[in-house]
Amino acid sequence: MTDPQDDYTPEDLTPSDMDDIRAERARMFTLGFWKSLLAGHEGMGDTFWAGNYLAALFFIPVYVLLLAIPPLYGLFPYLFAAFGVYLLFVARAVAKAQPKGKLKTASRWKQMFWKIFGVAWTLMNATMCLTMSPFTGGV
C-alpha cells in the first residue's frame, strides 16, 4: 500500500500498475535484460542507471571478496579492466538507447543533452577503470 503523503506516487496508480512495476524490476536481474540493455533496446534512463550502477551490485562484492583473500590480489587489475571494457559497451548502449517516459516528450535539445551527458559520464567511468587498473594489483 502506498503512503498518501508520498508526493512521488501518482494518484492514478493501481494495483495492476504496481504488479507491472514489480515485474519490470524483477526483469532487471535476468540475462535477457542485460542483453537488451547492452544492445541499446532499453530506455535511455534504464540503460544509463542500470548499466552504470546496478552492475556495481555485482562488481563491488567481487572486489570485496578479492580483498578478503590475499592470494587473489593479483586479479584486481583484470577485474578493473573487465569492468572498464563493460562500461565501454554501456556507453555504446546509452548512445543507441531511445528516451522513454517524461524525457520522450521533452524537447530534442534536452534529449540530446542527456544522451551526451550519459555517454560522457559512462566513458569517464570506463576511462578511470581502464587507466587505474594497472595500479590496483595490491602488490
C-alpha atoms as a PDB file:
ATOM      1  CA  MET A   1       0.000   0.000   0.000  1.00  0.00           C
ATOM      2  CA  THR A   2       1.274   3.462  -0.811  1.00  0.00           C
ATOM      3  CA  ASP A   3       1.632   6.288   1.664  1.00  0.00           C
ATOM      4  CA  PRO A   4      -0.979   9.003   0.980  1.00  0.00           C
ATOM      5  CA  GLN A   5       1.629  11.628   1.868  1.00  0.00           C
ATOM      6  CA  ASP A   6       4.086  10.360  -0.734  1.00  0.00           C
ATOM      7  CA  ASP A   7       4.434  13.119  -3.361  1.00  0.00           C
ATOM      8  CA  TYR A   8       6.095  10.728  -5.791  1.00  0.00           C
ATOM      9  CA  THR A   9       3.185   8.289  -6.045  1.00  0.00           C
ATOM     10  CA  PRO A  10       0.809   9.172  -8.894  1.00  0.00           C
ATOM     11  CA  GLU A  11      -2.830   9.396  -7.871  1.00  0.00           C
ATOM     12  CA  ASP A  12      -3.895   7.068 -10.684  1.00  0.00           C
ATOM     13  CA  LEU A  13      -1.525   4.241  -9.629  1.00  0.00           C
ATOM     14  CA  THR A  14      -3.453   0.988  -9.468  1.00  0.00           C
ATOM     15  CA  PRO A  15      -2.540  -2.435  -8.041  1.00  0.00           C
ATOM     16  CA  SER A  16      -2.167  -3.641 -11.624  1.00  0.00           C
ATOM     17  CA  ASP A  17       0.392  -0.880 -12.238  1.00  0.00           C
ATOM     18  CA  MET A  18       2.283  -1.973  -9.132  1.00  0.00           C
ATOM     19  CA  ASP A  19       2.408  -5.539 -10.452  1.00  0.00           C
ATOM     20  CA  ASP A  20       3.830  -4.257 -13.734  1.00  0.00           C
ATOM     21  CA  ILE A  21       6.462  -2.231 -11.864  1.00  0.00           C
ATOM     22  CA  ARG A  22       7.463  -5.242  -9.758  1.00  0.00           C
ATOM     23  CA  ALA A  23       7.708  -7.429 -12.875  1.00  0.00           C
ATOM     24  CA  GLU A  24       9.893  -4.867 -14.631  1.00  0.00           C
ATOM     25  CA  ARG A  25      12.181  -4.587 -11.594  1.00  0.00           C
ATOM     26  CA  ALA A  26      12.484  -8.377 -11.356  1.00  0.00           C
ATOM     27  CA  ARG A  27      13.349  -8.481 -15.078  1.00  0.00           C
ATOM     28  CA  MET A  28      16.428  -6.339 -14.362  1.00  0.00           C
ATOM     29  CA  PHE A  29      18.071  -9.360 -12.746  1.00  0.00           C
ATOM     30  CA  THR A  30      17.760 -11.617 -15.800  1.00  0.00           C
ATOM     31  CA  LEU A  31      20.233 -12.307 -18.586  1.00  0.00           C
ATOM     32  CA  GLY A  32      17.677 -11.197 -21.183  1.00  0.00           C
ATOM     33  CA  PHE A  33      17.509  -7.726 -19.667  1.00  0.00           C
ATOM     34  CA  TRP A  34      21.284  -7.311 -19.751  1.00  0.00           C
ATOM     35  CA  LYS A  35      21.472  -8.476 -23.372  1.00  0.00           C
ATOM     36  CA  SER A  36      18.723  -5.998 -24.260  1.00  0.00           C
ATOM     37  CA  LEU A  37      20.431  -3.247 -22.260  1.00  0.00           C
ATOM     38  CA  LEU A  38      23.816  -3.731 -23.930  1.00  0.00           C
ATOM     39  CA  ALA A  39      22.100  -3.785 -27.328  1.00  0.00           C
ATOM     40  CA  GLY A  40      20.581  -0.365 -26.564  1.00  0.00           C
ATOM     41  CA  HIS A  41      16.984  -1.627 -26.642  1.00  0.00           C
ATOM     42  CA  GLU A  42      16.034  -0.405 -23.160  1.00  0.00           C
ATOM     43  CA  GLY A  43      15.105   3.179 -22.352  1.00  0.00           C
ATOM     44  CA  MET A  44      17.921   5.681 -22.119  1.00  0.00           C
ATOM     45  CA  GLY A  45      17.476   6.205 -18.370  1.00  0.00           C
ATOM     46  CA  ASP A  46      17.309   2.481 -17.619  1.00  0.00           C
ATOM     47  CA  THR A  47      20.363   1.872 -19.780  1.00  0.00           C
ATOM     48  CA  PHE A  48      22.375   4.585 -18.039  1.00  0.00           C
ATOM     49  CA  TRP A  49      21.386   3.857 -14.443  1.00  0.00           C
ATOM     50  CA  ALA A  50      21.268   0.070 -14.589  1.00  0.00           C
ATOM     51  CA  GLY A  51      24.299  -0.172 -16.863  1.00  0.00           C
ATOM     52  CA  ASN A  52      26.459   2.006 -14.650  1.00  0.00           C
ATOM     53  CA  TYR A  53      25.179   1.375 -11.133  1.00  0.00           C
ATOM     54  CA  LEU A  54      23.103  -1.809 -10.979  1.00  0.00           C
ATOM     55  CA  ALA A  55      26.158  -3.590 -12.364  1.00  0.00           C
ATOM     56  CA  ALA A  56      28.037  -2.356  -9.293  1.00  0.00           C
ATOM     57  CA  LEU A  57      25.887  -4.745  -7.235  1.00  0.00           C
ATOM     58  CA  PHE A  58      28.000  -7.472  -8.829  1.00  0.00           C
ATOM     59  CA  PHE A  59      31.319  -5.657  -9.173  1.00  0.00           C
ATOM     60  CA  ILE A  60      31.666  -4.370  -5.613  1.00  0.00           C
ATOM     61  CA  PRO A  61      31.019  -7.703  -3.823  1.00  0.00           C
ATOM     62  CA  VAL A  62      33.515  -9.429  -6.127  1.00  0.00           C
ATOM     63  CA  TYR A  63      36.047  -6.696  -5.367  1.00  0.00           C
ATOM     64  CA  VAL A  64      35.462  -7.072  -1.600  1.00  0.00           C
ATOM     65  CA  LEU A  65      35.787 -10.836  -1.918  1.00  0.00           C
ATOM     66  CA  LEU A  66      39.150 -10.375  -3.622  1.00  0.00           C
ATOM     67  CA  LEU A  67      40.212  -8.065  -0.779  1.00  0.00           C
ATOM     68  CA  ALA A  68      39.383 -10.795   1.728  1.00  0.00           C
ATOM     69  CA  ILE A  69      41.567 -13.389   0.001  1.00  0.00           C
ATOM     70  CA  PRO A  70      45.158 -12.077  -0.305  1.00  0.00           C
ATOM     71  CA  PRO A  71      46.328 -14.668  -2.870  1.00  0.00           C
ATOM     72  CA  LEU A  72      43.703 -13.252  -5.256  1.00  0.00           C
ATOM     73  CA  TYR A  73      45.015  -9.655  -5.108  1.00  0.00           C
ATOM     74  CA  GLY A  74      46.630 -10.207  -8.499  1.00  0.00           C
ATOM     75  CA  LEU A  75      43.170 -10.365 -10.072  1.00  0.00           C
ATOM     76  CA  PHE A  76      42.378  -6.706  -9.234  1.00  0.00           C
ATOM     77  CA  PRO A  77      43.810  -5.250 -12.470  1.00  0.00           C
ATOM     78  CA  TYR A  78      41.874  -7.752 -14.565  1.00  0.00           C
ATOM     79  CA  LEU A  79      38.639  -7.063 -12.700  1.00  0.00           C
ATOM     80  CA  PHE A  80      39.026  -3.310 -13.155  1.00  0.00           C
ATOM     81  CA  ALA A  81      39.931  -3.724 -16.824  1.00  0.00           C
ATOM     82  CA  ALA A  82      36.936  -6.024 -17.400  1.00  0.00           C
ATOM     83  CA  PHE A  83      34.611  -3.519 -15.741  1.00  0.00           C
ATOM     84  CA  GLY A  84      36.114  -0.729 -17.866  1.00  0.00           C
ATOM     85  CA  VAL A  85      35.525  -2.689 -21.074  1.00  0.00           C
ATOM     86  CA  TYR A  86      31.977  -3.457 -19.908  1.00  0.00           C
ATOM     87  CA  LEU A  87      31.419   0.287 -19.369  1.00  0.00           C
ATOM     88  CA  LEU A  88      32.554   0.968 -22.936  1.00  0.00           C
ATOM     89  CA  PHE A  89      29.726  -1.308 -24.098  1.00  0.00           C
ATOM     90  CA  VAL A  90      27.322   0.534 -21.771  1.00  0.00           C
ATOM     91  CA  ALA A  91      28.397   3.879 -23.281  1.00  0.00           C
ATOM     92  CA  ARG A  92      27.614   2.489 -26.728  1.00  0.00           C
ATOM     93  CA  ALA A  93      24.234   1.271 -25.472  1.00  0.00           C
ATOM     94  CA  VAL A  94      23.417   4.668 -23.940  1.00  0.00           C
ATOM     95  CA  ALA A  95      24.242   6.282 -27.282  1.00  0.00           C
ATOM     96  CA  LYS A  96      21.860   3.881 -29.081  1.00  0.00           C
ATOM     97  CA  ALA A  97      19.047   3.911 -26.498  1.00  0.00           C
ATOM     98  CA  GLN A  98      15.911   5.960 -27.062  1.00  0.00           C
ATOM     99  CA  PRO A  99      14.294   8.010 -24.306  1.00  0.00           C
ATOM    100  CA  LYS A 100      11.018   6.921 -22.761  1.00  0.00           C
ATOM    101  CA  GLY A 101       8.763   8.339 -20.078  1.00  0.00           C
ATOM    102  CA  LYS A 102       8.883  12.092 -19.489  1.00  0.00           C
ATOM    103  CA  LEU A 103      12.087  12.542 -21.480  1.00  0.00           C
ATOM    104  CA  LYS A 104      10.377  11.104 -24.585  1.00  0.00           C
ATOM    105  CA  THR A 105       8.112  14.165 -24.701  1.00  0.00           C
ATOM    106  CA  ALA A 106      10.907  16.627 -23.847  1.00  0.00           C
ATOM    107  CA  SER A 107      12.495  18.875 -26.438  1.00  0.00           C
ATOM    108  CA  ARG A 108      15.025  17.415 -28.840  1.00  0.00           C
ATOM    109  CA  TRP A 109      17.765  19.569 -27.252  1.00  0.00           C
ATOM    110  CA  LYS A 110      17.006  18.247 -23.791  1.00  0.00           C
ATOM    111  CA  GLN A 111      17.071  14.667 -25.065  1.00  0.00           C
ATOM    112  CA  MET A 112      20.378  15.309 -26.837  1.00  0.00           C
ATOM    113  CA  PHE A 113      21.877  16.934 -23.720  1.00  0.00           C
ATOM    114  CA  TRP A 114      21.023  13.948 -21.501  1.00  0.00           C
ATOM    115  CA  LYS A 115      22.260  11.467 -24.088  1.00  0.00           C
ATOM    116  CA  ILE A 116      25.599  13.279 -24.439  1.00  0.00           C
ATOM    117  CA  PHE A 117      25.870  13.632 -20.663  1.00  0.00           C
ATOM    118  CA  GLY A 118      25.120   9.912 -20.140  1.00  0.00           C
ATOM    119  CA  VAL A 119      27.658   8.803 -22.749  1.00  0.00           C
ATOM    120  CA  ALA A 120      30.328  11.200 -21.416  1.00  0.00           C
ATOM    121  CA  TRP A 121      29.753  10.105 -17.804  1.00  0.00           C
ATOM    122  CA  THR A 122      29.955   6.423 -18.715  1.00  0.00           C
ATOM    123  CA  LEU A 123      33.090   6.978 -20.810  1.00  0.00           C
ATOM    124  CA  MET A 124      34.639   8.867 -17.893  1.00  0.00           C
ATOM    125  CA  ASN A 125      33.978   5.870 -15.613  1.00  0.00           C
ATOM    126  CA  ALA A 126      35.340   3.460 -18.223  1.00  0.00           C
ATOM    127  CA  THR A 127      38.477   5.571 -18.660  1.00  0.00           C
ATOM    128  CA  MET A 128      39.014   5.659 -14.913  1.00  0.00           C
ATOM    129  CA  CYS A 129      38.724   1.873 -14.645  1.00  0.00           C
ATOM    130  CA  LEU A 130      41.000   1.218 -17.608  1.00  0.00           C
ATOM    131  CA  THR A 131      43.689   3.732 -16.636  1.00  0.00           C
ATOM    132  CA  MET A 132      43.708   2.784 -12.955  1.00  0.00           C
ATOM    133  CA  SER A 133      43.637  -0.987 -13.495  1.00  0.00           C
ATOM    134  CA  PRO A 134      47.444  -1.404 -13.676  1.00  0.00           C
ATOM    135  CA  PHE A 135      47.764   0.305 -10.272  1.00  0.00           C
ATOM    136  CA  THR A 136      45.258  -1.913  -8.449  1.00  0.00           C
ATOM    137  CA  GLY A 137      47.386  -5.053  -8.259  1.00  0.00           C
ATOM    138  CA  GLY A 138      47.688  -4.966  -4.498  1.00  0.00           C
ATOM    139  CA  VAL A 139      51.340  -5.930  -4.640  1.00  0.00           C
END
